[in-house]
Amino acid sequence: PPIVTRLDNLIPGINFTLDDIHGALYACPYDLAARDRSPWCNVFTAHELRGLEQLDLYFDGYSGHISNGDAGPLTGAFYVKKLIERLTDTTEAAKPLYLDFAHDTTILLALSAMGLNKDAVPLSPDHPPAHRKFRTSNQVPFAAEMVWEKFTCKDSFEGPQVRLVLNGATFPLSICENSENDKQYGTCSLDNFVQANNYSMDVEYHDKIWNATCELDH
């Protein structure tokens, strides 16, 4: 690859591998998150750093394109199901605040189950579109945060609303927006949110959907 050749020419005798380059590319954002600066970022050109998003091609399966039988949405459905249980207080024991700690793939899988990060066609390895739904740098940067809010605002909405704040910015809930206010504020009613996620609510461990997606006979 050109990036390996360029660095080998700069520092003869090292013989960089693809794993070396992969680690060095990740060292840049990790350092920035921890120290606000990194010597690794200056090693690469702006074009090469943008190329790090090519890793989206490997993760695109989480949105249900590459994974056989849409396994991404299937596994993300269980998070969505628990989220709705909390928002609707199904158990009549819901707390006002929940804190969950997980891997960044948990966020990708949850968005996948809700249909919020799936593009019309799989990402192309040759020319990934500049404007696309699936973009890890926006959805799961280092130390990503996914915040779900349930609120009421009598001046603008009837009944409780749901909002997703992803990494500090409102993430439009296009799957359930049903009014101009929904589109303006990126929210939707709790009822519409639940209805839009029927898929997740219907999934059970080892049910027909699970077994078919995971290619299990029983």
N, C-alpha and C. Protein backbone atom coordinates (compact mmCIF):
# COMPACT_ATOMS: atom_id res chain seq x y z
N PRO A 1 0.82 -1.21 0.00
CA PRO A 1 0.00 0.00 0.00
C PRO A 1 0.86 1.26 0.00
N PRO A 2 0.40 2.33 -0.65
CA PRO A 2 1.20 3.55 -0.76
C PRO A 2 1.65 4.11 0.57
N ILE A 3 0.81 4.02 1.59
CA ILE A 3 1.16 4.60 2.89
C ILE A 3 2.35 3.87 3.51
N VAL A 4 2.43 2.56 3.33
CA VAL A 4 3.57 1.79 3.84
C VAL A 4 4.82 2.15 3.07
N THR A 5 4.72 2.24 1.77
CA THR A 5 5.87 2.58 0.93
C THR A 5 6.41 3.96 1.30
N ARG A 6 5.52 4.92 1.50
CA ARG A 6 5.96 6.29 1.83
C ARG A 6 6.72 6.31 3.15
N LEU A 7 6.23 5.64 4.16
CA LEU A 7 6.89 5.66 5.46
C LEU A 7 8.18 4.85 5.44
N ASP A 8 8.22 3.77 4.66
CA ASP A 8 9.46 3.00 4.53
C ASP A 8 10.55 3.84 3.89
N ASN A 9 10.16 4.68 2.93
CA ASN A 9 11.15 5.55 2.27
C ASN A 9 11.64 6.64 3.22
N LEU A 10 10.76 7.09 4.13
CA LEU A 10 11.17 8.12 5.10
C LEU A 10 12.12 7.56 6.15
N ILE A 11 11.89 6.32 6.56
CA ILE A 11 12.71 5.70 7.61
C ILE A 11 13.17 4.34 7.10
N PRO A 12 14.22 4.31 6.29
CA PRO A 12 14.70 3.05 5.72
C PRO A 12 15.11 2.06 6.81
N GLY A 13 14.83 0.80 6.54
CA GLY A 13 15.28 -0.25 7.45
C GLY A 13 14.25 -0.70 8.46
N ILE A 14 13.18 0.05 8.64
CA ILE A 14 12.15 -0.33 9.61
C ILE A 14 11.25 -1.43 9.04
N ASN A 15 10.93 -1.31 7.76
CA ASN A 15 10.04 -2.26 7.09
C ASN A 15 8.68 -2.37 7.80
N PHE A 16 7.94 -1.28 7.73
CA PHE A 16 6.62 -1.22 8.37
C PHE A 16 5.69 -2.29 7.80
N THR A 17 4.84 -2.81 8.67
CA THR A 17 3.78 -3.73 8.24
C THR A 17 2.45 -3.00 8.28
N LEU A 18 1.43 -3.62 7.71
CA LEU A 18 0.09 -3.02 7.76
C LEU A 18 -0.40 -2.89 9.20
N ASP A 19 -0.05 -3.85 10.04
CA ASP A 19 -0.44 -3.77 11.45
C ASP A 19 0.21 -2.56 12.13
N ASP A 20 1.47 -2.28 11.76
CA ASP A 20 2.15 -1.10 12.31
C ASP A 20 1.40 0.18 11.94
N ILE A 21 1.03 0.28 10.68
CA ILE A 21 0.34 1.47 10.19
C ILE A 21 -1.03 1.60 10.84
N HIS A 22 -1.72 0.49 10.95
CA HIS A 22 -3.04 0.50 11.58
C HIS A 22 -2.94 1.02 13.01
N GLY A 23 -1.96 0.52 13.77
CA GLY A 23 -1.78 0.97 15.15
C GLY A 23 -1.41 2.43 15.24
N ALA A 24 -0.53 2.88 14.34
CA ALA A 24 -0.10 4.28 14.36
C ALA A 24 -1.25 5.22 14.01
N LEU A 25 -2.10 4.81 13.07
CA LEU A 25 -3.25 5.63 12.71
C LEU A 25 -4.19 5.80 13.91
N TYR A 26 -4.39 4.72 14.66
CA TYR A 26 -5.25 4.80 15.83
C TYR A 26 -4.59 5.57 16.97
N ALA A 27 -3.25 5.59 17.00
CA ALA A 27 -2.57 6.33 18.06
C ALA A 27 -2.88 7.81 17.98
N CYS A 28 -3.12 8.32 16.79
CA CYS A 28 -3.44 9.74 16.62
C CYS A 28 -4.72 10.12 17.36
N PRO A 29 -5.89 9.51 17.08
CA PRO A 29 -7.10 9.90 17.82
C PRO A 29 -7.05 9.55 19.30
N TYR A 30 -6.37 8.45 19.65
CA TYR A 30 -6.28 8.09 21.07
C TYR A 30 -5.48 9.15 21.83
N ASP A 31 -4.39 9.58 21.26
CA ASP A 31 -3.59 10.63 21.89
C ASP A 31 -4.38 11.93 21.99
N LEU A 32 -5.10 12.27 20.93
CA LEU A 32 -5.88 13.51 20.95
C LEU A 32 -6.92 13.48 22.06
N ALA A 33 -7.54 12.32 22.25
CA ALA A 33 -8.56 12.20 23.28
C ALA A 33 -7.96 12.34 24.68
N ALA A 34 -6.73 11.84 24.84
CA ALA A 34 -6.10 11.84 26.17
C ALA A 34 -5.31 13.10 26.46
N ARG A 35 -4.69 13.68 25.43
CA ARG A 35 -3.74 14.79 25.67
C ARG A 35 -3.98 16.02 24.81
N ASP A 36 -4.96 15.98 23.93
CA ASP A 36 -5.28 17.10 23.04
C ASP A 36 -4.24 17.33 21.95
N ARG A 37 -3.23 16.49 21.88
CA ARG A 37 -2.25 16.59 20.79
C ARG A 37 -1.56 15.24 20.65
N SER A 38 -0.99 15.02 19.48
CA SER A 38 -0.33 13.75 19.24
C SER A 38 0.74 13.90 18.17
N PRO A 39 1.95 13.39 18.42
CA PRO A 39 2.98 13.42 17.37
C PRO A 39 2.63 12.51 16.20
N TRP A 40 1.76 11.52 16.45
CA TRP A 40 1.40 10.58 15.39
C TRP A 40 0.57 11.24 14.30
N CYS A 41 -0.22 12.24 14.66
CA CYS A 41 -1.08 12.86 13.65
C CYS A 41 -0.26 13.52 12.54
N ASN A 42 0.90 14.03 12.88
CA ASN A 42 1.74 14.70 11.88
C ASN A 42 2.48 13.71 10.98
N VAL A 43 2.45 12.45 11.34
CA VAL A 43 3.11 11.43 10.52
C VAL A 43 2.34 11.22 9.22
N PHE A 44 1.02 11.45 9.27
CA PHE A 44 0.16 11.12 8.13
C PHE A 44 -0.37 12.37 7.45
N THR A 45 -0.66 12.24 6.18
CA THR A 45 -1.27 13.34 5.45
C THR A 45 -2.76 13.39 5.77
N ALA A 46 -3.38 14.52 5.45
CA ALA A 46 -4.82 14.66 5.69
C ALA A 46 -5.58 13.60 4.91
N HIS A 47 -5.14 13.31 3.70
CA HIS A 47 -5.79 12.29 2.87
C HIS A 47 -5.69 10.92 3.53
N GLU A 48 -4.53 10.61 4.11
CA GLU A 48 -4.35 9.31 4.75
C GLU A 48 -5.20 9.18 6.01
N LEU A 49 -5.32 10.28 6.75
CA LEU A 49 -6.16 10.25 7.95
C LEU A 49 -7.62 10.07 7.59
N ARG A 50 -8.06 10.73 6.54
CA ARG A 50 -9.44 10.53 6.08
C ARG A 50 -9.66 9.10 5.65
N GLY A 51 -8.60 8.49 5.13
CA GLY A 51 -8.70 7.10 4.69
C GLY A 51 -8.96 6.13 5.82
N LEU A 52 -8.72 6.56 7.05
CA LEU A 52 -9.01 5.70 8.20
C LEU A 52 -10.48 5.32 8.23
N GLU A 53 -11.32 6.18 7.64
CA GLU A 53 -12.75 5.87 7.60
C GLU A 53 -13.06 4.70 6.66
N GLN A 54 -12.06 4.24 5.91
CA GLN A 54 -12.28 3.04 5.10
C GLN A 54 -12.61 1.85 5.98
N LEU A 55 -12.26 1.96 7.27
CA LEU A 55 -12.62 0.88 8.20
C LEU A 55 -14.13 0.74 8.32
N ASP A 56 -14.88 1.77 7.88
CA ASP A 56 -16.33 1.65 7.86
C ASP A 56 -16.77 0.44 7.03
N LEU A 57 -15.95 0.09 6.05
CA LEU A 57 -16.30 -1.04 5.19
C LEU A 57 -16.37 -2.33 6.00
N TYR A 58 -15.51 -2.43 7.02
CA TYR A 58 -15.49 -3.64 7.83
C TYR A 58 -16.65 -3.65 8.82
N PHE A 59 -17.04 -2.47 9.27
CA PHE A 59 -18.11 -2.38 10.25
C PHE A 59 -19.50 -2.31 9.63
N ASP A 60 -19.56 -2.12 8.32
CA ASP A 60 -20.85 -1.92 7.67
C ASP A 60 -21.81 -3.09 7.89
N GLY A 61 -21.25 -4.26 8.21
CA GLY A 61 -22.09 -5.41 8.47
C GLY A 61 -23.02 -5.21 9.65
N TYR A 62 -22.61 -4.35 10.59
CA TYR A 62 -23.46 -4.11 11.75
C TYR A 62 -24.81 -3.51 11.35
N SER A 63 -24.83 -2.82 10.20
CA SER A 63 -26.09 -2.21 9.77
C SER A 63 -26.96 -3.19 9.01
N GLY A 64 -26.48 -4.44 8.89
CA GLY A 64 -27.30 -5.48 8.27
C GLY A 64 -27.03 -5.71 6.80
N HIS A 65 -25.90 -5.19 6.29
CA HIS A 65 -25.60 -5.41 4.88
C HIS A 65 -24.76 -6.67 4.68
N ILE A 66 -23.65 -6.76 5.41
CA ILE A 66 -22.71 -7.86 5.18
C ILE A 66 -23.06 -9.05 6.07
N SER A 67 -23.53 -8.78 7.27
CA SER A 67 -23.86 -9.86 8.19
C SER A 67 -24.93 -10.75 7.59
N ASN A 68 -24.69 -12.04 7.64
CA ASN A 68 -25.65 -12.98 7.07
C ASN A 68 -26.98 -12.91 7.82
N GLY A 69 -28.06 -12.68 7.07
CA GLY A 69 -29.37 -12.65 7.71
C GLY A 69 -29.59 -11.47 8.62
N ASP A 70 -28.87 -10.38 8.40
CA ASP A 70 -29.02 -9.18 9.23
C ASP A 70 -28.77 -9.47 10.71
N ALA A 71 -27.66 -10.09 11.01
CA ALA A 71 -27.33 -10.40 12.41
C ALA A 71 -27.06 -9.14 13.23
N GLY A 72 -26.63 -8.06 12.56
CA GLY A 72 -26.41 -6.81 13.28
C GLY A 72 -27.66 -6.29 13.95
N PRO A 73 -28.74 -6.08 13.18
CA PRO A 73 -30.00 -5.63 13.81
C PRO A 73 -30.53 -6.62 14.83
N LEU A 74 -30.32 -7.91 14.59
CA LEU A 74 -30.83 -8.91 15.54
C LEU A 74 -30.20 -8.74 16.91
N THR A 75 -28.89 -8.64 16.97
CA THR A 75 -28.22 -8.51 18.27
C THR A 75 -28.47 -7.15 18.90
N GLY A 76 -28.63 -6.11 18.07
CA GLY A 76 -28.93 -4.80 18.61
C GLY A 76 -30.34 -4.68 19.15
N ALA A 77 -31.20 -5.59 18.73
CA ALA A 77 -32.61 -5.54 19.14
C ALA A 77 -32.78 -5.68 20.65
N PHE A 78 -31.88 -6.41 21.28
CA PHE A 78 -32.04 -6.65 22.72
C PHE A 78 -31.76 -5.38 23.53
N TYR A 79 -30.85 -4.55 23.04
CA TYR A 79 -30.64 -3.25 23.71
C TYR A 79 -31.88 -2.39 23.53
N VAL A 80 -32.41 -2.35 22.31
CA VAL A 80 -33.57 -1.51 22.04
C VAL A 80 -34.77 -1.97 22.87
N LYS A 81 -34.91 -3.26 23.00
CA LYS A 81 -36.02 -3.81 23.79
C LYS A 81 -35.92 -3.37 25.25
N LYS A 82 -34.72 -3.42 25.80
CA LYS A 82 -34.51 -2.97 27.19
C LYS A 82 -34.72 -1.47 27.31
N LEU A 83 -34.28 -0.71 26.31
CA LEU A 83 -34.48 0.74 26.31
C LEU A 83 -35.97 1.08 26.37
N ILE A 84 -36.77 0.42 25.54
CA ILE A 84 -38.21 0.69 25.51
C ILE A 84 -38.86 0.26 26.82
N GLU A 85 -38.39 -0.83 27.39
CA GLU A 85 -38.90 -1.26 28.70
C GLU A 85 -38.71 -0.17 29.75
N ARG A 86 -37.57 0.49 29.68
CA ARG A 86 -37.28 1.56 30.64
C ARG A 86 -38.10 2.82 30.34
N LEU A 87 -38.18 3.18 29.07
CA LEU A 87 -38.89 4.41 28.70
C LEU A 87 -40.38 4.31 28.97
N THR A 88 -40.94 3.11 28.81
CA THR A 88 -42.39 2.94 29.01
C THR A 88 -42.72 2.46 30.42
N ASP A 89 -41.70 2.18 31.21
CA ASP A 89 -41.89 1.68 32.58
C ASP A 89 -42.77 0.43 32.59
N THR A 90 -42.43 -0.49 31.70
CA THR A 90 -43.21 -1.73 31.58
C THR A 90 -43.24 -2.50 32.90
N THR A 91 -42.14 -2.48 33.61
CA THR A 91 -42.04 -3.26 34.86
C THR A 91 -42.57 -2.49 36.07
N GLU A 92 -42.94 -1.21 35.85
CA GLU A 92 -43.38 -0.33 36.93
C GLU A 92 -42.30 -0.16 38.00
N ALA A 93 -41.06 -0.29 37.57
CA ALA A 93 -39.94 -0.12 38.50
C ALA A 93 -38.80 0.66 37.85
N ALA A 94 -39.13 1.44 36.79
CA ALA A 94 -38.11 2.17 36.06
C ALA A 94 -37.51 3.28 36.92
N LYS A 95 -36.21 3.48 36.76
CA LYS A 95 -35.49 4.53 37.48
C LYS A 95 -35.45 5.80 36.62
N PRO A 96 -35.24 6.95 37.24
CA PRO A 96 -35.17 8.19 36.45
C PRO A 96 -33.88 8.30 35.64
N LEU A 97 -32.86 7.52 36.01
CA LEU A 97 -31.56 7.61 35.32
C LEU A 97 -30.91 6.24 35.28
N TYR A 98 -30.39 5.90 34.10
CA TYR A 98 -29.63 4.66 33.94
C TYR A 98 -28.28 5.00 33.31
N LEU A 99 -27.23 4.32 33.74
CA LEU A 99 -25.91 4.46 33.15
C LEU A 99 -25.45 3.08 32.69
N ASP A 100 -25.18 2.95 31.40
CA ASP A 100 -24.69 1.69 30.84
C ASP A 100 -23.31 1.93 30.25
N PHE A 101 -22.42 0.98 30.47
CA PHE A 101 -21.07 1.07 29.92
C PHE A 101 -20.83 -0.13 29.02
N ALA A 102 -20.41 0.13 27.80
CA ALA A 102 -20.27 -0.97 26.84
C ALA A 102 -19.25 -0.59 25.77
N HIS A 103 -19.10 -1.48 24.82
CA HIS A 103 -18.20 -1.27 23.69
C HIS A 103 -18.88 -0.39 22.66
N ASP A 104 -18.07 0.23 21.79
CA ASP A 104 -18.67 1.10 20.77
C ASP A 104 -19.58 0.33 19.83
N THR A 105 -19.32 -0.97 19.66
CA THR A 105 -20.20 -1.74 18.78
C THR A 105 -21.62 -1.84 19.32
N THR A 106 -21.78 -1.70 20.64
CA THR A 106 -23.13 -1.71 21.21
C THR A 106 -23.96 -0.58 20.61
N ILE A 107 -23.33 0.58 20.44
CA ILE A 107 -24.02 1.73 19.85
C ILE A 107 -24.36 1.44 18.39
N LEU A 108 -23.39 0.91 17.64
CA LEU A 108 -23.64 0.61 16.23
C LEU A 108 -24.77 -0.40 16.07
N LEU A 109 -24.78 -1.41 16.93
CA LEU A 109 -25.81 -2.44 16.82
C LEU A 109 -27.19 -1.90 17.19
N ALA A 110 -27.25 -1.03 18.20
CA ALA A 110 -28.54 -0.43 18.58
C ALA A 110 -29.07 0.45 17.45
N LEU A 111 -28.21 1.28 16.88
CA LEU A 111 -28.63 2.11 15.75
C LEU A 111 -29.07 1.24 14.57
N SER A 112 -28.37 0.12 14.39
CA SER A 112 -28.71 -0.81 13.32
C SER A 112 -30.10 -1.39 13.51
N ALA A 113 -30.40 -1.83 14.73
CA ALA A 113 -31.71 -2.43 15.01
C ALA A 113 -32.83 -1.44 14.75
N MET A 114 -32.55 -0.15 14.95
CA MET A 114 -33.57 0.87 14.74
C MET A 114 -33.59 1.41 13.31
N GLY A 115 -32.68 0.93 12.48
CA GLY A 115 -32.64 1.38 11.09
C GLY A 115 -32.14 2.79 10.92
N LEU A 116 -31.31 3.25 11.86
CA LEU A 116 -30.84 4.64 11.82
C LEU A 116 -29.48 4.80 11.14
N ASN A 117 -28.79 3.70 10.86
CA ASN A 117 -27.46 3.85 10.25
C ASN A 117 -27.27 2.93 9.04
N LYS A 118 -28.36 2.51 8.43
CA LYS A 118 -28.26 1.64 7.27
C LYS A 118 -28.50 2.42 5.99
N ASP A 119 -27.53 2.40 5.10
CA ASP A 119 -27.67 3.06 3.81
C ASP A 119 -28.45 2.16 2.85
N ALA A 120 -28.90 2.76 1.76
CA ALA A 120 -29.71 2.01 0.80
C ALA A 120 -28.94 0.84 0.21
N VAL A 121 -27.65 1.02 0.00
CA VAL A 121 -26.80 -0.05 -0.55
C VAL A 121 -25.54 -0.15 0.31
N PRO A 122 -24.90 -1.32 0.32
CA PRO A 122 -23.66 -1.46 1.10
C PRO A 122 -22.59 -0.47 0.63
N LEU A 123 -21.69 -0.11 1.54
CA LEU A 123 -20.61 0.79 1.17
C LEU A 123 -19.68 0.13 0.17
N SER A 124 -19.24 0.90 -0.81
CA SER A 124 -18.35 0.38 -1.84
C SER A 124 -16.89 0.57 -1.40
N PRO A 125 -16.03 -0.45 -1.60
CA PRO A 125 -14.62 -0.30 -1.24
C PRO A 125 -13.88 0.66 -2.15
N ASP A 126 -14.46 0.93 -3.33
CA ASP A 126 -13.80 1.83 -4.28
C ASP A 126 -14.14 3.30 -4.02
N HIS A 127 -15.42 3.57 -3.85
CA HIS A 127 -15.82 4.97 -3.67
C HIS A 127 -16.94 5.06 -2.63
N PRO A 128 -16.61 4.96 -1.34
CA PRO A 128 -17.65 5.13 -0.31
C PRO A 128 -18.27 6.52 -0.45
N PRO A 129 -19.57 6.65 -0.47
CA PRO A 129 -20.20 7.97 -0.67
C PRO A 129 -19.88 8.93 0.45
N ALA A 130 -19.66 10.17 0.10
CA ALA A 130 -19.35 11.19 1.10
C ALA A 130 -20.53 11.41 2.04
N HIS A 131 -21.73 11.36 1.48
CA HIS A 131 -22.95 11.54 2.28
C HIS A 131 -23.59 10.18 2.50
N ARG A 132 -23.47 9.69 3.72
CA ARG A 132 -24.00 8.37 4.03
C ARG A 132 -24.45 8.34 5.48
N LYS A 133 -25.29 7.36 5.81
CA LYS A 133 -25.76 7.21 7.18
C LYS A 133 -24.71 6.57 8.07
N PHE A 134 -24.03 5.55 7.54
CA PHE A 134 -23.07 4.81 8.35
C PHE A 134 -21.70 5.49 8.31
N ARG A 135 -21.33 6.11 9.44
CA ARG A 135 -20.03 6.79 9.51
C ARG A 135 -19.53 6.68 10.95
N THR A 136 -18.55 5.81 11.15
CA THR A 136 -18.09 5.54 12.51
C THR A 136 -17.47 6.77 13.17
N SER A 137 -16.86 7.65 12.40
CA SER A 137 -16.22 8.82 13.02
C SER A 137 -17.25 9.73 13.68
N ASN A 138 -18.49 9.71 13.21
CA ASN A 138 -19.55 10.51 13.83
C ASN A 138 -20.31 9.73 14.89
N GLN A 139 -20.55 8.45 14.62
CA GLN A 139 -21.40 7.66 15.51
C GLN A 139 -20.64 7.04 16.68
N VAL A 140 -19.43 6.58 16.44
CA VAL A 140 -18.67 5.97 17.54
C VAL A 140 -17.22 6.46 17.55
N PRO A 141 -17.00 7.77 17.75
CA PRO A 141 -15.63 8.24 17.94
C PRO A 141 -15.10 7.72 19.27
N PHE A 142 -13.87 8.02 19.58
CA PHE A 142 -13.31 7.57 20.86
C PHE A 142 -14.17 8.11 22.01
N ALA A 143 -14.46 7.22 22.97
CA ALA A 143 -15.29 7.58 24.13
C ALA A 143 -16.68 8.06 23.70
N ALA A 144 -17.29 7.33 22.78
CA ALA A 144 -18.61 7.70 22.27
C ALA A 144 -19.66 7.67 23.38
N GLU A 145 -20.66 8.52 23.24
CA GLU A 145 -21.75 8.60 24.23
C GLU A 145 -23.10 8.56 23.51
N MET A 146 -23.99 7.70 23.96
CA MET A 146 -25.35 7.64 23.44
C MET A 146 -26.30 7.92 24.59
N VAL A 147 -27.01 9.04 24.51
CA VAL A 147 -27.90 9.46 25.59
C VAL A 147 -29.34 9.47 25.08
N TRP A 148 -30.20 8.73 25.76
CA TRP A 148 -31.62 8.71 25.43
C TRP A 148 -32.39 9.50 26.46
N GLU A 149 -33.25 10.40 25.98
CA GLU A 149 -34.02 11.25 26.87
C GLU A 149 -35.52 11.06 26.63
N LYS A 150 -36.26 11.02 27.71
CA LYS A 150 -37.72 11.03 27.65
C LYS A 150 -38.17 12.31 28.35
N PHE A 151 -38.96 13.13 27.66
CA PHE A 151 -39.32 14.42 28.22
C PHE A 151 -40.72 14.82 27.75
N THR A 152 -41.28 15.81 28.39
CA THR A 152 -42.55 16.38 27.97
C THR A 152 -42.37 17.88 27.76
N CYS A 153 -43.09 18.40 26.77
CA CYS A 153 -43.06 19.83 26.48
C CYS A 153 -44.45 20.20 25.96
N LYS A 154 -45.31 20.63 26.85
CA LYS A 154 -46.72 20.85 26.52
C LYS A 154 -46.91 21.94 25.47
N ASP A 155 -45.96 22.87 25.37
CA ASP A 155 -46.09 23.95 24.40
C ASP A 155 -45.87 23.48 22.96
N SER A 156 -45.14 22.37 22.80
CA SER A 156 -44.79 21.92 21.46
C SER A 156 -45.30 20.53 21.10
N PHE A 157 -45.54 19.69 22.12
CA PHE A 157 -45.89 18.31 21.84
C PHE A 157 -47.03 17.85 22.73
N GLU A 158 -47.72 16.81 22.25
CA GLU A 158 -48.70 16.13 23.08
C GLU A 158 -48.11 14.82 23.56
N GLY A 159 -48.04 14.63 24.87
CA GLY A 159 -47.51 13.38 25.41
C GLY A 159 -45.99 13.37 25.44
N PRO A 160 -45.43 12.32 26.02
CA PRO A 160 -43.96 12.23 26.16
C PRO A 160 -43.26 12.07 24.82
N GLN A 161 -42.09 12.65 24.74
CA GLN A 161 -41.24 12.59 23.55
C GLN A 161 -39.97 11.82 23.87
N VAL A 162 -39.32 11.35 22.82
CA VAL A 162 -38.03 10.66 22.93
C VAL A 162 -37.01 11.40 22.08
N ARG A 163 -35.82 11.57 22.64
CA ARG A 163 -34.74 12.21 21.89
C ARG A 163 -33.45 11.43 22.08
N LEU A 164 -32.68 11.31 21.02
CA LEU A 164 -31.35 10.70 21.07
C LEU A 164 -30.30 11.78 20.92
N VAL A 165 -29.41 11.87 21.91
CA VAL A 165 -28.26 12.78 21.83
C VAL A 165 -27.03 11.90 21.67
N LEU A 166 -26.45 11.93 20.49
CA LEU A 166 -25.31 11.08 20.17
C LEU A 166 -24.05 11.92 20.10
N ASN A 167 -23.15 11.68 21.03
CA ASN A 167 -21.88 12.41 21.10
C ASN A 167 -22.09 13.93 21.16
N GLY A 168 -23.07 14.32 21.97
CA GLY A 168 -23.30 15.74 22.23
C GLY A 168 -24.21 16.45 21.25
N ALA A 169 -24.72 15.76 20.24
CA ALA A 169 -25.58 16.40 19.24
C ALA A 169 -26.85 15.58 19.06
N THR A 170 -27.96 16.25 18.82
CA THR A 170 -29.22 15.56 18.57
C THR A 170 -29.11 14.74 17.29
N PHE A 171 -29.46 13.46 17.39
CA PHE A 171 -29.45 12.56 16.24
C PHE A 171 -30.90 12.36 15.80
N PRO A 172 -31.28 12.86 14.63
CA PRO A 172 -32.69 12.83 14.21
C PRO A 172 -33.26 11.41 14.19
N LEU A 173 -34.44 11.26 14.79
CA LEU A 173 -35.12 9.97 14.81
C LEU A 173 -36.04 9.88 13.61
N SER A 174 -35.43 9.70 12.46
CA SER A 174 -36.18 9.72 11.19
C SER A 174 -37.17 8.57 11.08
N ILE A 175 -36.97 7.51 11.86
CA ILE A 175 -37.84 6.34 11.76
C ILE A 175 -39.24 6.59 12.32
N CYS A 176 -39.38 7.64 13.12
CA CYS A 176 -40.68 7.83 13.78
C CYS A 176 -41.14 9.28 13.80
N GLU A 177 -40.43 10.18 13.13
CA GLU A 177 -40.87 11.58 13.12
C GLU A 177 -42.20 11.68 12.40
N ASN A 178 -43.11 12.46 12.98
CA ASN A 178 -44.48 12.48 12.43
C ASN A 178 -45.07 13.87 12.40
N SER A 179 -44.25 14.88 12.62
CA SER A 179 -44.74 16.26 12.60
C SER A 179 -43.58 17.19 12.28
N GLU A 180 -43.93 18.44 11.99
CA GLU A 180 -42.89 19.42 11.70
C GLU A 180 -42.01 19.66 12.93
N ASN A 181 -42.62 19.63 14.12
CA ASN A 181 -41.83 19.79 15.34
C ASN A 181 -40.87 18.63 15.53
N ASP A 182 -41.32 17.41 15.19
CA ASP A 182 -40.43 16.26 15.27
C ASP A 182 -39.20 16.49 14.38
N LYS A 183 -39.45 16.94 13.16
CA LYS A 183 -38.35 17.16 12.22
C LYS A 183 -37.45 18.30 12.69
N GLN A 184 -38.04 19.33 13.27
CA GLN A 184 -37.27 20.48 13.72
C GLN A 184 -36.36 20.13 14.89
N TYR A 185 -36.90 19.35 15.83
CA TYR A 185 -36.15 19.04 17.05
C TYR A 185 -35.49 17.66 17.03
N GLY A 186 -35.73 16.88 15.99
CA GLY A 186 -35.11 15.56 15.90
C GLY A 186 -35.68 14.55 16.86
N THR A 187 -36.92 14.76 17.31
CA THR A 187 -37.53 13.88 18.30
C THR A 187 -38.71 13.13 17.68
N CYS A 188 -39.35 12.29 18.48
CA CYS A 188 -40.63 11.72 18.10
C CYS A 188 -41.37 11.31 19.36
N SER A 189 -42.66 11.06 19.23
CA SER A 189 -43.44 10.69 20.40
C SER A 189 -43.02 9.31 20.88
N LEU A 190 -43.20 9.06 22.15
CA LEU A 190 -42.86 7.75 22.70
C LEU A 190 -43.67 6.65 22.01
N ASP A 191 -44.95 6.91 21.78
CA ASP A 191 -45.79 5.92 21.12
C ASP A 191 -45.26 5.57 19.73
N ASN A 192 -44.92 6.59 18.96
CA ASN A 192 -44.40 6.35 17.61
C ASN A 192 -43.05 5.64 17.65
N PHE A 193 -42.25 5.97 18.65
CA PHE A 193 -40.94 5.33 18.80
C PHE A 193 -41.11 3.83 19.05
N VAL A 194 -42.03 3.48 19.92
CA VAL A 194 -42.29 2.06 20.22
C VAL A 194 -42.79 1.35 18.97
N GLN A 195 -43.73 1.97 18.26
CA GLN A 195 -44.29 1.34 17.06
C GLN A 195 -43.23 1.15 15.98
N ALA A 196 -42.31 2.10 15.88
CA ALA A 196 -41.27 2.02 14.86
C ALA A 196 -40.26 0.92 15.15
N ASN A 197 -40.26 0.42 16.37
CA ASN A 197 -39.30 -0.61 16.76
C ASN A 197 -39.97 -1.94 17.06
N ASN A 198 -41.03 -2.24 16.30
CA ASN A 198 -41.73 -3.51 16.47
C ASN A 198 -40.79 -4.70 16.29
N TYR A 199 -39.85 -4.57 15.36
CA TYR A 199 -38.91 -5.67 15.11
C TYR A 199 -38.19 -6.06 16.39
N SER A 200 -37.64 -5.08 17.08
CA SER A 200 -36.89 -5.35 18.31
C SER A 200 -37.79 -5.91 19.40
N MET A 201 -38.99 -5.40 19.48
CA MET A 201 -39.90 -5.86 20.53
C MET A 201 -40.34 -7.30 20.32
N ASP A 202 -40.31 -7.78 19.07
CA ASP A 202 -40.78 -9.12 18.76
C ASP A 202 -39.70 -10.19 18.88
N VAL A 203 -38.43 -9.78 19.00
CA VAL A 203 -37.34 -10.75 19.01
C VAL A 203 -37.17 -11.35 20.41
N GLU A 204 -37.01 -12.67 20.44
CA GLU A 204 -36.69 -13.38 21.68
C GLU A 204 -35.50 -14.30 21.42
N TYR A 205 -34.72 -14.51 22.45
CA TYR A 205 -33.56 -15.40 22.32
C TYR A 205 -34.02 -16.80 21.92
N HIS A 206 -33.44 -17.30 20.84
CA HIS A 206 -33.73 -18.64 20.30
C HIS A 206 -35.16 -18.78 19.76
N ASP A 207 -35.80 -17.67 19.40
CA ASP A 207 -37.08 -17.80 18.71
C ASP A 207 -36.83 -18.04 17.23
N LYS A 208 -37.89 -18.04 16.41
CA LYS A 208 -37.73 -18.35 15.00
C LYS A 208 -36.85 -17.34 14.29
N ILE A 209 -37.02 -16.05 14.64
CA ILE A 209 -36.19 -15.02 14.00
C ILE A 209 -34.73 -15.23 14.35
N TRP A 210 -34.46 -15.46 15.63
CA TRP A 210 -33.08 -15.67 16.09
C TRP A 210 -32.47 -16.88 15.39
N ASN A 211 -33.17 -18.00 15.42
CA ASN A 211 -32.61 -19.24 14.86
C ASN A 211 -32.40 -19.13 13.35
N ALA A 212 -33.33 -18.48 12.65
CA ALA A 212 -33.19 -18.33 11.21
C ALA A 212 -32.01 -17.44 10.86
N THR A 213 -31.87 -16.34 11.60
CA THR A 213 -30.77 -15.41 11.33
C THR A 213 -29.42 -16.03 11.64
N CYS A 214 -29.36 -16.78 12.72
CA CYS A 214 -28.11 -17.40 13.15
C CYS A 214 -27.90 -18.78 12.53
N GLU A 215 -28.84 -19.17 11.64
CA GLU A 215 -28.76 -20.47 10.96
C GLU A 215 -28.68 -21.63 11.93
N LEU A 216 -29.55 -21.59 12.93
CA LEU A 216 -29.65 -22.68 13.89
C LEU A 216 -30.86 -23.54 13.55
N ASP A 217 -30.71 -24.83 13.68
CA ASP A 217 -31.80 -25.74 13.34
C ASP A 217 -32.89 -25.78 14.40
N HIS A 218 -32.53 -25.45 15.65
CA HIS A 218 -33.53 -25.52 16.71
C HIS A 218 -33.17 -24.53 17.80
